[in-house]
Amino acid sequence: EDYPNYIDLSEELVFTIDGDDAKDFDDAVGIKVLDNGNYELGVYIADVSNYVKPGDLLDLEALERYFSIYLPDRVIPMLPVALSNGICSLNPNVLRLTMACKMEIDHKGNLISCDIFKAIIKSKYRFTYSFVNKILENDEFAVKNTNEQLVDSLLKMQKLADILSKN
C-alpha cells in the first residue's frame, strides 16, 4: 500500500527496547553520528492515525481507557489487541507507520535541530532492557551474539545519554 505522506526510512537501523514481558512495541529508536560529529537521534512512535479516526468508536474507547494497564497476570490494552499487538506494533522486520522525530544534538548536549514527520520504518531488532544493560556492561556473551552495528548504536546512545545527563 502506498503512503504518500510518509517518508520511507525502512532501510535505517532502528530497533525497539522494551521490558522482557512487553507485548506491544510502540516506540523505536535509531542513532548515527553525522559528518559534522553531531549525533542524529531518531525516535519513532507507532502511528495509529490510519486505523483510529477522531470521534470513531475506537477513538472514544481509547479516550475512556486513556492508556494500557499492565497487571501481574494480564494487560488491558488501550486499543484492541489486533491493533496494539498487531499492525500498530513495531515488530521486527515488518514495515510500520510511525510519527518520527529526528534530532541533531551536538557533543555538549545542545539541540541543534529537530524535525517531526510521518515515516515508514522497519525495526531491525527487538531488545529488552535487561539485554541492553548486559551489552552496555560489556557482557561477553551478549556482545558476541549481537550484530556489531546494533552494539555500536547502543554504545553511541549510552554516550549521548551521558552527554545529555551532564548538560
Protein backbone atom coordinates (compact mmCIF):
# COMPACT_ATOMS: atom_id res chain seq x y z
CA GLU A 1 0.00 0.00 0.00
CA ASP A 2 1.23 3.48 -0.81
CA TYR A 3 1.54 6.14 1.92
CA PRO A 4 2.50 9.37 0.13
CA ASN A 5 2.60 11.46 3.32
CA TYR A 6 5.21 9.19 4.92
CA ILE A 7 8.98 9.30 4.41
CA ASP A 8 10.46 5.86 3.80
CA LEU A 9 13.12 5.19 6.44
CA SER A 10 12.76 1.42 6.27
CA GLU A 11 16.47 0.93 5.46
CA GLU A 12 17.67 2.82 8.54
CA LEU A 13 18.98 0.95 11.58
CA VAL A 14 16.07 1.26 14.01
CA PHE A 15 15.16 -1.02 16.92
CA THR A 16 12.85 -1.32 19.92
CA ILE A 17 13.84 -1.60 23.58
CA ASP A 18 11.13 -2.82 25.97
CA GLY A 19 10.60 -4.88 29.09
CA ASP A 20 11.08 -8.64 28.97
CA ASP A 21 7.34 -9.31 29.03
CA ALA A 22 6.18 -6.48 26.73
CA LYS A 23 3.52 -7.47 24.21
CA ASP A 24 3.29 -4.28 22.17
CA PHE A 25 6.21 -2.30 20.85
CA ASP A 26 5.03 1.24 20.28
CA ASP A 27 8.34 3.08 20.15
CA ALA A 28 11.69 2.58 18.46
CA VAL A 29 14.98 4.44 18.27
CA GLY A 30 17.97 4.87 15.99
CA ILE A 31 21.18 6.87 16.18
CA LYS A 32 24.06 7.88 13.97
CA VAL A 33 26.97 10.29 14.06
CA LEU A 34 26.76 12.93 11.35
CA ASP A 35 29.70 14.11 9.22
CA ASN A 36 29.99 17.20 11.44
CA GLY A 37 30.42 14.99 14.55
CA ASN A 38 26.95 15.70 15.95
CA TYR A 39 24.51 12.94 16.85
CA GLU A 40 21.30 12.32 14.94
CA LEU A 41 18.83 10.66 17.29
CA GLY A 42 15.65 9.25 15.80
CA VAL A 43 12.63 8.42 17.93
CA TYR A 44 9.69 6.65 16.30
CA ILE A 45 6.22 6.24 17.82
CA ALA A 46 3.65 3.90 16.28
CA ASP A 47 1.17 5.99 14.28
CA VAL A 48 -2.35 4.67 14.82
CA SER A 49 -3.98 7.57 12.94
CA ASN A 50 -4.60 5.42 9.86
CA TYR A 51 -6.60 2.95 11.94
CA VAL A 52 -8.21 5.14 14.60
CA LYS A 53 -10.03 8.23 13.36
CA PRO A 54 -11.07 11.11 15.63
CA GLY A 55 -14.54 10.53 17.07
CA ASP A 56 -14.96 6.93 15.89
CA LEU A 57 -15.76 4.12 18.35
CA LEU A 58 -12.12 3.05 18.70
CA ASP A 59 -11.11 6.63 19.48
CA LEU A 60 -13.87 7.06 22.06
CA GLU A 61 -12.97 3.77 23.75
CA ALA A 62 -9.28 4.70 23.80
CA LEU A 63 -10.16 8.08 25.35
CA GLU A 64 -12.12 6.25 28.06
CA ARG A 65 -9.17 3.97 28.85
CA TYR A 66 -6.53 6.69 28.36
CA PHE A 67 -3.65 4.18 28.48
CA SER A 68 -2.89 0.48 28.62
CA ILE A 69 -2.95 -1.12 32.07
CA TYR A 70 -0.26 -3.65 33.00
CA LEU A 71 -1.24 -6.10 35.73
CA PRO A 72 0.89 -9.01 37.00
CA ASP A 73 -1.15 -11.59 35.10
CA ARG A 74 -2.53 -9.66 32.11
CA VAL A 75 -2.61 -6.45 30.10
CA ILE A 76 -5.70 -4.37 29.41
CA PRO A 77 -4.74 -2.54 26.21
CA MET A 78 -5.96 0.93 25.33
CA LEU A 79 -6.63 -0.28 21.78
CA PRO A 80 -7.80 -3.71 20.63
CA VAL A 81 -5.06 -6.36 20.62
CA ALA A 82 -5.26 -6.65 16.81
CA LEU A 83 -4.03 -3.05 16.66
CA SER A 84 -1.83 -2.69 19.76
CA ASN A 85 -0.01 -6.01 19.37
CA GLY A 86 -0.53 -6.32 15.62
CA ILE A 87 -0.49 -3.76 12.85
CA CYS A 88 0.47 -0.84 15.14
CA SER A 89 3.21 -2.74 16.96
CA LEU A 90 6.74 -2.00 15.74
CA ASN A 91 7.63 -5.68 15.43
CA PRO A 92 10.98 -6.53 13.84
CA ASN A 93 11.29 -6.89 10.06
CA VAL A 94 7.87 -5.53 9.08
CA LEU A 95 7.01 -2.12 7.64
CA ARG A 96 5.18 0.11 10.12
CA LEU A 97 3.77 3.63 10.09
CA THR A 98 5.21 6.00 12.69
CA MET A 99 5.44 9.57 13.83
CA ALA A 100 9.14 10.32 13.73
CA CYS A 101 11.30 12.86 15.50
CA LYS A 102 14.85 13.35 14.27
CA MET A 103 17.06 15.47 16.47
CA GLU A 104 20.54 16.77 15.85
CA ILE A 105 22.43 17.08 19.13
CA ASP A 106 25.98 18.39 19.48
CA HIS A 107 28.79 16.96 21.65
CA LYS A 108 27.76 19.27 24.52
CA GLY A 109 24.15 18.07 24.51
CA ASN A 110 22.65 21.10 22.80
CA LEU A 111 19.70 20.53 20.49
CA ILE A 112 20.76 21.90 17.09
CA SER A 113 17.65 20.96 15.14
CA CYS A 114 14.50 18.91 15.44
CA ASP A 115 12.15 17.64 12.76
CA ILE A 116 8.84 15.83 13.34
CA PHE A 117 7.25 13.96 10.44
CA LYS A 118 5.45 10.77 9.40
CA ALA A 119 7.74 7.88 8.48
CA ILE A 120 7.68 4.24 7.49
CA ILE A 121 10.22 2.17 9.40
CA LYS A 122 11.23 -1.45 9.65
CA SER A 123 12.58 -2.24 13.09
CA LYS A 124 15.66 -4.41 12.77
CA TYR A 125 15.66 -5.89 16.27
CA ARG A 126 13.68 -6.22 19.49
CA PHE A 127 15.85 -5.55 22.53
CA THR A 128 14.91 -5.92 26.17
CA TYR A 129 16.19 -3.54 28.83
CA SER A 130 17.98 -6.38 30.62
CA PHE A 131 19.81 -7.48 27.45
CA VAL A 132 20.77 -3.90 26.56
CA ASN A 133 22.20 -3.48 30.06
CA LYS A 134 24.32 -6.61 29.53
CA ILE A 135 25.69 -5.16 26.29
CA LEU A 136 26.42 -1.82 27.95
CA GLU A 137 28.19 -3.69 30.78
CA ASN A 138 30.28 -5.44 28.07
CA ASP A 139 28.91 -8.90 28.87
CA GLU A 140 30.93 -11.16 26.55
CA PHE A 141 28.03 -13.44 25.57
CA ALA A 142 25.62 -10.56 24.89
CA VAL A 143 28.13 -8.58 22.82
CA LYS A 144 29.36 -11.63 20.89
CA ASN A 145 25.80 -12.69 20.00
CA THR A 146 24.57 -9.28 18.83
CA ASN A 147 25.09 -7.67 15.44
CA GLU A 148 28.10 -5.34 15.59
CA GLN A 149 26.12 -2.38 14.17
CA LEU A 150 23.47 -2.79 16.88
CA VAL A 151 26.11 -2.91 19.62
CA ASP A 152 27.73 0.20 18.14
CA SER A 153 24.35 2.00 18.11
CA LEU A 154 23.70 1.11 21.74
CA LEU A 155 27.15 2.38 22.77
CA LYS A 156 26.52 5.65 20.88
CA MET A 157 23.18 6.00 22.66
CA GLN A 158 24.87 5.46 26.02
CA LYS A 159 27.46 8.11 25.18
CA LEU A 160 24.73 10.55 24.10
CA ALA A 161 22.72 9.78 27.25
CA ASP A 162 25.80 10.60 29.36
CA ILE A 163 26.28 13.88 27.44
CA LEU A 164 22.62 14.83 27.92
CA SER A 165 22.75 13.95 31.63
CA LYS A 166 25.76 16.21 32.12
CA ASN A 167 24.02 19.02 30.24
